[in-house]
Amino acid sequence: MLQLDPAALATLLAQAAKARPQPACGLLVGRGGLGRREALVAEAAAALPADRARGRFDLHPGDWQRIDRLARSRGQDVVGVFWAGDGAALSVLPTDATTAFEGYSYLVVAPGPAPRLFAFELTIHGTEVEPVEVAVVADGAATRPPPMAPMPRVDDKNAGGHQLH
């Protein structure tokens, strides 16, 4: 399941309006992993030109790295990919689905007065439709476990365990 924060959806739709007539694309940033993902932010990214994308939709790797680093600096993760634009086909190209990675949501958005959302994910059973819920994502800071204490430094002369002489 993909829970999409309304603010992330609004950002995504604004990016699609700005990019018209071309589609907008990028990464969804938030929390989660297999089974459930929460998207707090939609970060715009560039798509590879058609001659480099080999007939499928691919994000520019430099943008992916930049957004991933930004997400990690905030204590978040990249949880998915989005594609939004006028006439967005809610059926995904088979070549795009075959290049999906497990653990990510793939969101396709057809903007409009009532935007249409379609998501899929790769599971052990193959590519499956993923439910999308647009709802406020609760702040996870209160539920995060406290950071781990650093490992104690061990004296080399008394490293514990068996001593070799």
N, C-alpha and C. Protein backbone atom coordinates (compact mmCIF):
# COMPACT_ATOMS: atom_id res chain seq x y z
N MET A 1 0.84 -1.19 0.00
CA MET A 1 0.00 0.00 0.00
C MET A 1 0.88 1.24 0.00
N LEU A 2 0.48 2.23 -0.78
CA LEU A 2 1.16 3.51 -0.83
C LEU A 2 0.25 4.55 -0.21
N GLN A 3 0.72 5.18 0.88
CA GLN A 3 0.00 6.30 1.48
C GLN A 3 0.70 7.57 1.01
N LEU A 4 -0.03 8.38 0.28
CA LEU A 4 0.51 9.60 -0.33
C LEU A 4 -0.02 10.81 0.43
N ASP A 5 0.89 11.59 1.00
CA ASP A 5 0.49 12.79 1.73
C ASP A 5 -0.12 13.79 0.74
N PRO A 6 -1.22 14.47 1.11
CA PRO A 6 -1.83 15.45 0.20
C PRO A 6 -0.86 16.54 -0.26
N ALA A 7 0.08 16.94 0.59
CA ALA A 7 1.07 17.95 0.20
C ALA A 7 1.98 17.41 -0.90
N ALA A 8 2.34 16.14 -0.82
CA ALA A 8 3.17 15.52 -1.88
C ALA A 8 2.38 15.45 -3.18
N LEU A 9 1.09 15.11 -3.10
CA LEU A 9 0.26 15.06 -4.30
C LEU A 9 0.13 16.45 -4.92
N ALA A 10 -0.05 17.49 -4.09
CA ALA A 10 -0.16 18.86 -4.60
C ALA A 10 1.13 19.29 -5.29
N THR A 11 2.27 18.95 -4.72
CA THR A 11 3.57 19.26 -5.33
C THR A 11 3.71 18.55 -6.67
N LEU A 12 3.35 17.30 -6.69
CA LEU A 12 3.43 16.48 -7.90
C LEU A 12 2.54 17.06 -9.00
N LEU A 13 1.32 17.48 -8.65
CA LEU A 13 0.41 18.05 -9.64
C LEU A 13 0.91 19.41 -10.14
N ALA A 14 1.52 20.20 -9.25
CA ALA A 14 2.10 21.49 -9.66
C ALA A 14 3.26 21.26 -10.63
N GLN A 15 4.07 20.24 -10.36
CA GLN A 15 5.18 19.92 -11.26
C GLN A 15 4.65 19.48 -12.62
N ALA A 16 3.56 18.72 -12.64
CA ALA A 16 2.97 18.27 -13.91
C ALA A 16 2.42 19.46 -14.69
N ALA A 17 1.79 20.42 -14.01
CA ALA A 17 1.26 21.61 -14.69
C ALA A 17 2.39 22.45 -15.27
N LYS A 18 3.48 22.55 -14.54
CA LYS A 18 4.62 23.35 -14.99
C LYS A 18 5.32 22.69 -16.19
N ALA A 19 5.38 21.39 -16.22
CA ALA A 19 6.09 20.66 -17.27
C ALA A 19 5.27 20.49 -18.55
N ARG A 20 3.97 20.78 -18.50
CA ARG A 20 3.10 20.59 -19.65
C ARG A 20 3.69 21.18 -20.91
N PRO A 21 3.66 20.55 -22.04
CA PRO A 21 2.96 19.32 -22.39
C PRO A 21 3.77 18.05 -22.09
N GLN A 22 5.00 18.21 -21.64
CA GLN A 22 5.81 17.04 -21.28
C GLN A 22 5.34 16.49 -19.94
N PRO A 23 5.56 15.21 -19.67
CA PRO A 23 5.20 14.67 -18.35
C PRO A 23 6.22 15.11 -17.30
N ALA A 24 5.77 15.13 -16.06
CA ALA A 24 6.67 15.38 -14.93
C ALA A 24 7.00 14.03 -14.32
N CYS A 25 8.21 13.91 -13.81
CA CYS A 25 8.59 12.66 -13.17
C CYS A 25 9.53 12.96 -12.01
N GLY A 26 9.68 11.98 -11.15
CA GLY A 26 10.57 12.16 -10.01
C GLY A 26 10.45 11.02 -9.03
N LEU A 27 10.88 11.30 -7.82
CA LEU A 27 10.91 10.27 -6.78
C LEU A 27 10.03 10.66 -5.61
N LEU A 28 9.45 9.66 -4.98
CA LEU A 28 8.66 9.84 -3.78
C LEU A 28 9.57 9.54 -2.59
N VAL A 29 9.58 10.45 -1.62
CA VAL A 29 10.46 10.33 -0.46
C VAL A 29 9.60 10.21 0.79
N GLY A 30 9.99 9.30 1.68
CA GLY A 30 9.25 9.12 2.93
C GLY A 30 9.81 7.98 3.74
N ARG A 31 8.89 7.09 4.15
CA ARG A 31 9.27 5.95 5.00
C ARG A 31 8.61 4.69 4.47
N GLY A 32 9.20 3.57 4.84
CA GLY A 32 8.58 2.31 4.52
C GLY A 32 9.50 1.38 3.78
N GLY A 33 8.93 0.34 3.24
CA GLY A 33 9.68 -0.66 2.53
C GLY A 33 8.72 -1.64 1.90
N LEU A 34 8.98 -2.90 2.07
CA LEU A 34 8.11 -3.92 1.49
C LEU A 34 6.74 -3.89 2.16
N GLY A 35 5.69 -3.91 1.38
CA GLY A 35 4.34 -3.99 1.93
C GLY A 35 3.66 -2.65 2.13
N ARG A 36 4.32 -1.67 2.76
CA ARG A 36 3.69 -0.37 3.03
C ARG A 36 4.72 0.74 2.90
N ARG A 37 4.34 1.76 2.16
CA ARG A 37 5.22 2.92 2.00
C ARG A 37 4.42 4.19 2.24
N GLU A 38 5.05 5.17 2.88
CA GLU A 38 4.44 6.47 3.15
C GLU A 38 5.25 7.53 2.40
N ALA A 39 4.63 8.21 1.46
CA ALA A 39 5.30 9.24 0.68
C ALA A 39 4.96 10.61 1.25
N LEU A 40 5.98 11.28 1.79
CA LEU A 40 5.80 12.60 2.38
C LEU A 40 6.09 13.72 1.38
N VAL A 41 7.01 13.48 0.45
CA VAL A 41 7.50 14.51 -0.47
C VAL A 41 7.61 13.92 -1.88
N ALA A 42 7.30 14.76 -2.88
CA ALA A 42 7.52 14.41 -4.28
C ALA A 42 8.63 15.31 -4.80
N GLU A 43 9.78 14.73 -5.13
CA GLU A 43 10.94 15.47 -5.64
C GLU A 43 11.04 15.29 -7.14
N ALA A 44 11.09 16.41 -7.88
CA ALA A 44 11.18 16.35 -9.34
C ALA A 44 12.54 15.83 -9.78
N ALA A 45 12.55 15.11 -10.88
CA ALA A 45 13.79 14.59 -11.48
C ALA A 45 13.63 14.65 -12.99
N ALA A 46 14.75 14.61 -13.68
CA ALA A 46 14.73 14.60 -15.14
C ALA A 46 14.68 13.16 -15.64
N ALA A 47 13.96 12.97 -16.74
CA ALA A 47 13.95 11.66 -17.39
C ALA A 47 15.09 11.62 -18.40
N LEU A 48 15.61 10.44 -18.62
CA LEU A 48 16.64 10.29 -19.65
C LEU A 48 16.05 10.60 -21.02
N PRO A 49 16.83 11.19 -21.91
CA PRO A 49 16.34 11.39 -23.28
C PRO A 49 16.00 10.04 -23.91
N ALA A 50 15.07 10.06 -24.85
CA ALA A 50 14.60 8.82 -25.49
C ALA A 50 15.73 7.98 -26.07
N ASP A 51 16.76 8.63 -26.63
CA ASP A 51 17.84 7.84 -27.24
C ASP A 51 18.69 7.12 -26.19
N ARG A 52 18.71 7.61 -24.96
CA ARG A 52 19.46 6.92 -23.88
C ARG A 52 18.59 5.96 -23.08
N ALA A 53 17.28 6.14 -23.13
CA ALA A 53 16.37 5.34 -22.31
C ALA A 53 16.06 3.98 -22.92
N ARG A 54 16.49 3.72 -24.13
CA ARG A 54 16.30 2.43 -24.79
C ARG A 54 14.82 1.98 -24.82
N GLY A 55 13.95 2.92 -25.19
CA GLY A 55 12.54 2.57 -25.37
C GLY A 55 11.75 2.41 -24.10
N ARG A 56 12.27 2.84 -22.97
CA ARG A 56 11.51 2.76 -21.73
C ARG A 56 11.70 4.05 -20.94
N PHE A 57 10.96 4.18 -19.88
CA PHE A 57 11.03 5.36 -19.04
C PHE A 57 12.12 5.16 -18.00
N ASP A 58 13.12 6.04 -17.97
CA ASP A 58 14.20 5.96 -16.97
C ASP A 58 14.49 7.36 -16.43
N LEU A 59 14.71 7.44 -15.13
CA LEU A 59 15.12 8.69 -14.51
C LEU A 59 16.61 8.88 -14.67
N HIS A 60 17.03 10.12 -14.69
CA HIS A 60 18.45 10.43 -14.79
C HIS A 60 19.14 9.93 -13.51
N PRO A 61 20.19 9.11 -13.61
CA PRO A 61 20.83 8.56 -12.40
C PRO A 61 21.39 9.63 -11.47
N GLY A 62 21.86 10.76 -12.02
CA GLY A 62 22.39 11.82 -11.17
C GLY A 62 21.30 12.41 -10.29
N ASP A 63 20.09 12.56 -10.83
CA ASP A 63 18.97 13.07 -10.03
C ASP A 63 18.58 12.06 -8.95
N TRP A 64 18.59 10.78 -9.32
CA TRP A 64 18.27 9.73 -8.33
C TRP A 64 19.24 9.82 -7.17
N GLN A 65 20.52 9.92 -7.44
CA GLN A 65 21.53 9.99 -6.38
C GLN A 65 21.37 11.25 -5.54
N ARG A 66 21.11 12.38 -6.18
CA ARG A 66 20.95 13.65 -5.45
C ARG A 66 19.75 13.57 -4.50
N ILE A 67 18.63 13.05 -4.99
CA ILE A 67 17.42 12.96 -4.17
C ILE A 67 17.60 11.93 -3.06
N ASP A 68 18.26 10.82 -3.35
CA ASP A 68 18.52 9.80 -2.33
C ASP A 68 19.37 10.37 -1.20
N ARG A 69 20.41 11.13 -1.55
CA ARG A 69 21.27 11.73 -0.51
C ARG A 69 20.48 12.73 0.33
N LEU A 70 19.65 13.54 -0.32
CA LEU A 70 18.83 14.51 0.38
C LEU A 70 17.87 13.80 1.34
N ALA A 71 17.24 12.74 0.87
CA ALA A 71 16.31 11.98 1.71
C ALA A 71 17.03 11.40 2.93
N ARG A 72 18.18 10.80 2.71
CA ARG A 72 18.92 10.19 3.83
C ARG A 72 19.37 11.24 4.83
N SER A 73 19.70 12.45 4.35
CA SER A 73 20.11 13.51 5.28
C SER A 73 18.95 13.92 6.18
N ARG A 74 17.72 13.68 5.75
CA ARG A 74 16.52 13.98 6.55
C ARG A 74 16.04 12.77 7.34
N GLY A 75 16.76 11.65 7.25
CA GLY A 75 16.32 10.43 7.94
C GLY A 75 15.19 9.73 7.22
N GLN A 76 15.08 9.94 5.90
CA GLN A 76 14.02 9.32 5.11
C GLN A 76 14.65 8.48 4.01
N ASP A 77 13.79 7.87 3.21
CA ASP A 77 14.24 7.02 2.10
C ASP A 77 13.46 7.34 0.84
N VAL A 78 14.01 6.97 -0.30
CA VAL A 78 13.25 6.98 -1.54
C VAL A 78 12.32 5.77 -1.46
N VAL A 79 11.01 6.01 -1.59
CA VAL A 79 10.05 4.92 -1.50
C VAL A 79 9.34 4.63 -2.81
N GLY A 80 9.56 5.50 -3.81
CA GLY A 80 8.89 5.25 -5.07
C GLY A 80 9.27 6.23 -6.16
N VAL A 81 8.68 5.98 -7.32
CA VAL A 81 8.90 6.78 -8.53
C VAL A 81 7.53 7.26 -8.99
N PHE A 82 7.46 8.50 -9.50
CA PHE A 82 6.19 8.96 -10.06
C PHE A 82 6.37 9.46 -11.48
N TRP A 83 5.27 9.41 -12.23
CA TRP A 83 5.17 9.93 -13.59
C TRP A 83 3.80 10.55 -13.69
N ALA A 84 3.73 11.83 -14.09
CA ALA A 84 2.44 12.54 -14.16
C ALA A 84 2.40 13.41 -15.39
N GLY A 85 1.28 13.40 -16.06
CA GLY A 85 1.13 14.25 -17.23
C GLY A 85 -0.22 14.10 -17.88
N ASP A 86 -0.55 15.06 -18.75
CA ASP A 86 -1.81 15.01 -19.49
C ASP A 86 -1.86 13.73 -20.31
N GLY A 87 -3.02 13.09 -20.29
CA GLY A 87 -3.19 11.88 -21.07
C GLY A 87 -2.34 10.73 -20.55
N ALA A 88 -1.94 10.81 -19.27
CA ALA A 88 -1.12 9.73 -18.70
C ALA A 88 -1.89 8.43 -18.81
N ALA A 89 -1.28 7.53 -19.52
CA ALA A 89 -1.90 6.21 -19.67
C ALA A 89 -1.81 5.49 -18.34
N LEU A 90 -2.95 5.10 -17.81
CA LEU A 90 -2.94 4.39 -16.55
C LEU A 90 -2.55 2.93 -16.75
N SER A 91 -2.29 2.56 -17.99
CA SER A 91 -1.69 1.24 -18.22
C SER A 91 -0.20 1.50 -18.45
N VAL A 92 0.62 0.78 -17.76
CA VAL A 92 2.06 0.99 -17.80
C VAL A 92 2.66 0.16 -18.92
N LEU A 93 3.65 0.75 -19.60
CA LEU A 93 4.33 0.00 -20.65
C LEU A 93 4.95 -1.27 -20.08
N PRO A 94 4.81 -2.39 -20.76
CA PRO A 94 5.38 -3.63 -20.23
C PRO A 94 6.88 -3.52 -19.97
N THR A 95 7.61 -2.76 -20.79
CA THR A 95 9.06 -2.65 -20.57
C THR A 95 9.36 -1.89 -19.29
N ASP A 96 8.51 -0.93 -18.91
CA ASP A 96 8.71 -0.21 -17.67
C ASP A 96 8.46 -1.13 -16.47
N ALA A 97 7.43 -1.93 -16.54
CA ALA A 97 7.10 -2.83 -15.43
C ALA A 97 8.19 -3.90 -15.26
N THR A 98 8.81 -4.33 -16.34
CA THR A 98 9.83 -5.37 -16.22
C THR A 98 11.14 -4.83 -15.65
N THR A 99 11.31 -3.51 -15.63
CA THR A 99 12.53 -2.94 -15.05
C THR A 99 12.31 -2.41 -13.64
N ALA A 100 11.15 -2.73 -13.04
CA ALA A 100 10.84 -2.29 -11.69
C ALA A 100 11.71 -3.03 -10.68
N PHE A 101 11.91 -2.40 -9.53
CA PHE A 101 12.66 -3.01 -8.43
C PHE A 101 11.74 -3.25 -7.25
N GLU A 102 11.94 -4.35 -6.56
CA GLU A 102 11.14 -4.68 -5.39
C GLU A 102 11.42 -3.66 -4.29
N GLY A 103 10.38 -3.29 -3.56
CA GLY A 103 10.52 -2.36 -2.44
C GLY A 103 10.18 -0.92 -2.79
N TYR A 104 9.80 -0.65 -4.04
CA TYR A 104 9.44 0.70 -4.47
C TYR A 104 8.01 0.71 -5.00
N SER A 105 7.33 1.84 -4.84
CA SER A 105 6.03 2.07 -5.46
C SER A 105 6.26 2.81 -6.77
N TYR A 106 5.49 2.48 -7.79
CA TYR A 106 5.56 3.15 -9.08
C TYR A 106 4.19 3.79 -9.31
N LEU A 107 4.14 5.13 -9.20
CA LEU A 107 2.89 5.87 -9.25
C LEU A 107 2.74 6.60 -10.58
N VAL A 108 1.59 6.41 -11.22
CA VAL A 108 1.25 7.10 -12.46
C VAL A 108 0.04 7.98 -12.16
N VAL A 109 0.14 9.27 -12.52
CA VAL A 109 -0.92 10.23 -12.20
C VAL A 109 -1.41 10.92 -13.46
N ALA A 110 -2.72 10.90 -13.67
CA ALA A 110 -3.36 11.66 -14.74
C ALA A 110 -3.99 12.88 -14.07
N PRO A 111 -3.35 14.07 -14.21
CA PRO A 111 -3.87 15.26 -13.53
C PRO A 111 -5.24 15.66 -14.06
N GLY A 112 -5.93 16.45 -13.28
CA GLY A 112 -7.24 16.95 -13.66
C GLY A 112 -7.96 17.40 -12.42
N PRO A 113 -9.22 17.81 -12.56
CA PRO A 113 -9.99 18.23 -11.37
C PRO A 113 -10.05 17.12 -10.32
N ALA A 114 -10.16 15.90 -10.80
CA ALA A 114 -10.10 14.73 -9.91
C ALA A 114 -8.98 13.84 -10.43
N PRO A 115 -7.75 14.06 -9.96
CA PRO A 115 -6.62 13.29 -10.50
C PRO A 115 -6.84 11.79 -10.36
N ARG A 116 -6.44 11.06 -11.40
CA ARG A 116 -6.53 9.60 -11.36
C ARG A 116 -5.16 9.06 -10.99
N LEU A 117 -5.12 8.17 -10.02
CA LEU A 117 -3.87 7.60 -9.51
C LEU A 117 -3.87 6.11 -9.74
N PHE A 118 -2.74 5.62 -10.20
CA PHE A 118 -2.55 4.19 -10.39
C PHE A 118 -1.15 3.86 -9.90
N ALA A 119 -1.00 2.80 -9.12
CA ALA A 119 0.33 2.42 -8.65
C ALA A 119 0.51 0.92 -8.80
N PHE A 120 1.76 0.54 -9.00
CA PHE A 120 2.09 -0.87 -9.02
C PHE A 120 3.40 -1.07 -8.26
N GLU A 121 3.65 -2.30 -7.88
CA GLU A 121 4.87 -2.67 -7.18
C GLU A 121 5.30 -4.04 -7.66
N LEU A 122 6.57 -4.33 -7.48
CA LEU A 122 7.10 -5.65 -7.82
C LEU A 122 7.15 -6.46 -6.53
N THR A 123 6.53 -7.63 -6.55
CA THR A 123 6.55 -8.53 -5.40
C THR A 123 7.14 -9.87 -5.85
N ILE A 124 7.21 -10.80 -4.93
CA ILE A 124 7.72 -12.12 -5.30
C ILE A 124 6.79 -12.82 -6.29
N HIS A 125 5.55 -12.32 -6.41
CA HIS A 125 4.59 -12.88 -7.35
C HIS A 125 4.60 -12.17 -8.69
N GLY A 126 5.44 -11.16 -8.85
CA GLY A 126 5.50 -10.40 -10.09
C GLY A 126 4.99 -8.98 -9.88
N THR A 127 4.64 -8.32 -10.97
CA THR A 127 4.14 -6.95 -10.90
C THR A 127 2.68 -6.98 -10.50
N GLU A 128 2.34 -6.24 -9.44
CA GLU A 128 0.97 -6.23 -8.93
C GLU A 128 0.49 -4.81 -8.74
N VAL A 129 -0.82 -4.61 -8.93
CA VAL A 129 -1.44 -3.31 -8.66
C VAL A 129 -1.30 -3.04 -7.16
N GLU A 130 -0.97 -1.80 -6.83
CA GLU A 130 -0.79 -1.41 -5.42
C GLU A 130 -1.86 -0.39 -5.06
N PRO A 131 -2.58 -0.59 -3.95
CA PRO A 131 -3.57 0.40 -3.53
C PRO A 131 -2.88 1.71 -3.16
N VAL A 132 -3.54 2.85 -3.49
CA VAL A 132 -3.02 4.17 -3.16
C VAL A 132 -4.05 4.87 -2.28
N GLU A 133 -3.59 5.42 -1.18
CA GLU A 133 -4.45 6.19 -0.28
C GLU A 133 -3.85 7.58 -0.14
N VAL A 134 -4.66 8.61 -0.41
CA VAL A 134 -4.21 9.99 -0.20
C VAL A 134 -4.70 10.39 1.19
N ALA A 135 -3.76 10.51 2.12
CA ALA A 135 -4.08 10.84 3.50
C ALA A 135 -2.84 11.44 4.15
N VAL A 136 -3.08 12.28 5.15
CA VAL A 136 -1.96 12.91 5.86
C VAL A 136 -1.12 11.82 6.50
N VAL A 137 0.18 11.90 6.25
CA VAL A 137 1.12 10.95 6.84
C VAL A 137 1.57 11.53 8.17
N ALA A 138 1.37 10.76 9.23
CA ALA A 138 1.73 11.22 10.58
C ALA A 138 3.24 11.40 10.69
N ASP A 139 3.64 12.35 11.52
CA ASP A 139 5.07 12.59 11.75
C ASP A 139 5.65 11.37 12.46
N GLY A 140 6.65 10.77 11.87
CA GLY A 140 7.25 9.57 12.43
C GLY A 140 8.29 9.84 13.50
N ALA A 141 8.60 11.11 13.77
CA ALA A 141 9.65 11.41 14.75
C ALA A 141 9.29 10.89 16.13
N ALA A 142 7.99 10.93 16.47
CA ALA A 142 7.58 10.48 17.80
C ALA A 142 7.67 8.96 17.93
N THR A 143 7.56 8.24 16.82
CA THR A 143 7.58 6.78 16.88
C THR A 143 8.95 6.18 16.57
N ARG A 144 9.91 7.03 16.22
CA ARG A 144 11.24 6.53 15.91
C ARG A 144 11.94 6.05 17.17
N PRO A 145 12.64 4.92 17.10
CA PRO A 145 13.38 4.48 18.28
C PRO A 145 14.54 5.42 18.56
N PRO A 146 14.98 5.48 19.82
CA PRO A 146 16.12 6.36 20.12
C PRO A 146 17.37 5.85 19.42
N PRO A 147 18.31 6.75 19.11
CA PRO A 147 19.53 6.30 18.44
C PRO A 147 20.33 5.37 19.35
N MET A 148 21.04 4.46 18.71
CA MET A 148 21.85 3.51 19.48
C MET A 148 23.07 4.22 20.04
N ALA A 149 23.49 3.78 21.22
CA ALA A 149 24.72 4.32 21.82
C ALA A 149 25.90 3.78 21.05
N PRO A 150 27.00 4.55 20.97
CA PRO A 150 28.16 4.04 20.24
C PRO A 150 28.74 2.82 20.95
N MET A 151 29.39 1.98 20.18
CA MET A 151 30.03 0.79 20.74
C MET A 151 31.16 1.23 21.67
N PRO A 152 31.32 0.57 22.82
CA PRO A 152 32.43 0.94 23.71
C PRO A 152 33.77 0.60 23.07
N ARG A 153 34.75 1.41 23.34
CA ARG A 153 36.10 1.15 22.83
C ARG A 153 36.72 0.05 23.67
N VAL A 154 37.39 -0.82 22.99
CA VAL A 154 37.99 -1.97 23.68
C VAL A 154 39.50 -1.77 23.72
N ASP A 155 40.07 -1.98 24.90
CA ASP A 155 41.52 -1.90 25.09
C ASP A 155 42.16 -3.06 24.34
N ASP A 156 43.16 -2.78 23.50
CA ASP A 156 43.81 -3.83 22.71
C ASP A 156 44.42 -4.92 23.58
N LYS A 157 44.95 -4.58 24.77
CA LYS A 157 45.59 -5.58 25.63
C LYS A 157 44.57 -6.49 26.29
N ASN A 158 43.36 -6.00 26.44
CA ASN A 158 42.35 -6.79 27.10
C ASN A 158 41.11 -6.83 26.21
N ALA A 159 41.24 -7.42 25.03
CA ALA A 159 40.17 -7.44 24.05
C ALA A 159 39.08 -8.45 24.41
N GLY A 160 39.27 -9.19 25.45
CA GLY A 160 38.28 -10.19 25.85
C GLY A 160 38.44 -11.45 25.02
N GLY A 161 37.77 -12.49 25.42
CA GLY A 161 37.87 -13.74 24.69
C GLY A 161 39.20 -14.41 24.94
N HIS A 162 39.63 -15.23 24.02
CA HIS A 162 40.87 -15.98 24.16
C HIS A 162 42.07 -15.13 23.80
N GLN A 163 43.11 -15.26 24.60
CA GLN A 163 44.36 -14.56 24.34
C GLN A 163 45.32 -15.51 23.65
N LEU A 164 45.96 -15.09 22.60
CA LEU A 164 46.98 -15.90 21.95
C LEU A 164 48.35 -15.43 22.45
N HIS A 165 49.19 -16.38 22.85
CA HIS A 165 50.53 -16.04 23.35
C HIS A 165 51.58 -16.64 22.48
